[in-house]
């Protein structure tokens, strides 16, 4: 993740937004793996 320029403390909203971003990244990565399963499988076999 990007580093923060500000030295302000994180708010509860910042923490929740970071959790949401992380979950979205995991879901997009899983969807990409599922959509391209045969490519990932071929790469594992090399």
Protein backbone atom coordinates (compact mmCIF):
# COMPACT_ATOMS: atom_id res chain seq x y z
CA UNK A 1 0.00 0.00 0.00
CA UNK A 2 1.03 3.61 -0.43
CA UNK A 3 2.80 5.33 2.40
CA UNK A 4 1.07 8.18 4.15
CA UNK A 5 2.51 11.66 3.81
CA UNK A 6 0.61 13.03 6.79
CA UNK A 7 1.51 12.46 10.43
CA UNK A 8 -2.15 12.73 11.50
CA UNK A 9 -3.45 9.76 13.48
CA UNK A 10 -5.78 7.35 11.72
CA UNK A 11 -9.45 7.73 12.44
CA UNK A 12 -11.81 4.77 12.82
CA UNK A 13 -13.15 5.61 9.36
CA UNK A 14 -9.62 5.36 7.90
CA UNK A 15 -9.23 1.92 9.45
CA UNK A 16 -12.57 0.74 8.06
CA UNK A 17 -11.76 2.11 4.60
CA UNK A 18 -8.41 0.30 4.66
CA UNK A 19 -10.19 -2.96 5.54
CA UNK A 20 -12.65 -2.42 2.67
CA UNK A 21 -9.82 -1.72 0.22
CA UNK A 22 -8.04 -4.89 1.30
CA UNK A 23 -11.18 -6.98 0.88
CA UNK A 24 -11.79 -5.51 -2.59
CA UNK A 25 -8.22 -6.37 -3.63
CA UNK A 26 -8.67 -9.96 -2.40
CA UNK A 27 -12.01 -10.32 -4.24
CA UNK A 28 -10.66 -8.88 -7.51
CA UNK A 29 -7.62 -11.16 -7.32
CA UNK A 30 -9.83 -14.21 -6.68
CA UNK A 31 -12.15 -13.27 -9.56
CA UNK A 32 -9.14 -12.84 -11.85
CA UNK A 33 -7.76 -16.25 -10.87
CA UNK A 34 -11.16 -17.85 -11.49
CA UNK A 35 -11.60 -16.12 -14.85
CA UNK A 36 -8.09 -17.10 -15.97
CA UNK A 37 -7.77 -20.47 -14.25
CA UNK A 38 -6.32 -22.27 -17.27
CA UNK A 39 -3.52 -19.70 -17.59
CA UNK A 40 -2.62 -19.95 -13.90
CA UNK A 41 -2.68 -23.74 -14.12
CA UNK A 42 -0.41 -23.69 -17.18
CA UNK A 43 2.06 -21.40 -15.41
CA UNK A 44 2.16 -23.70 -12.37
CA UNK A 45 3.05 -26.64 -14.64
CA UNK A 46 6.12 -24.90 -16.13
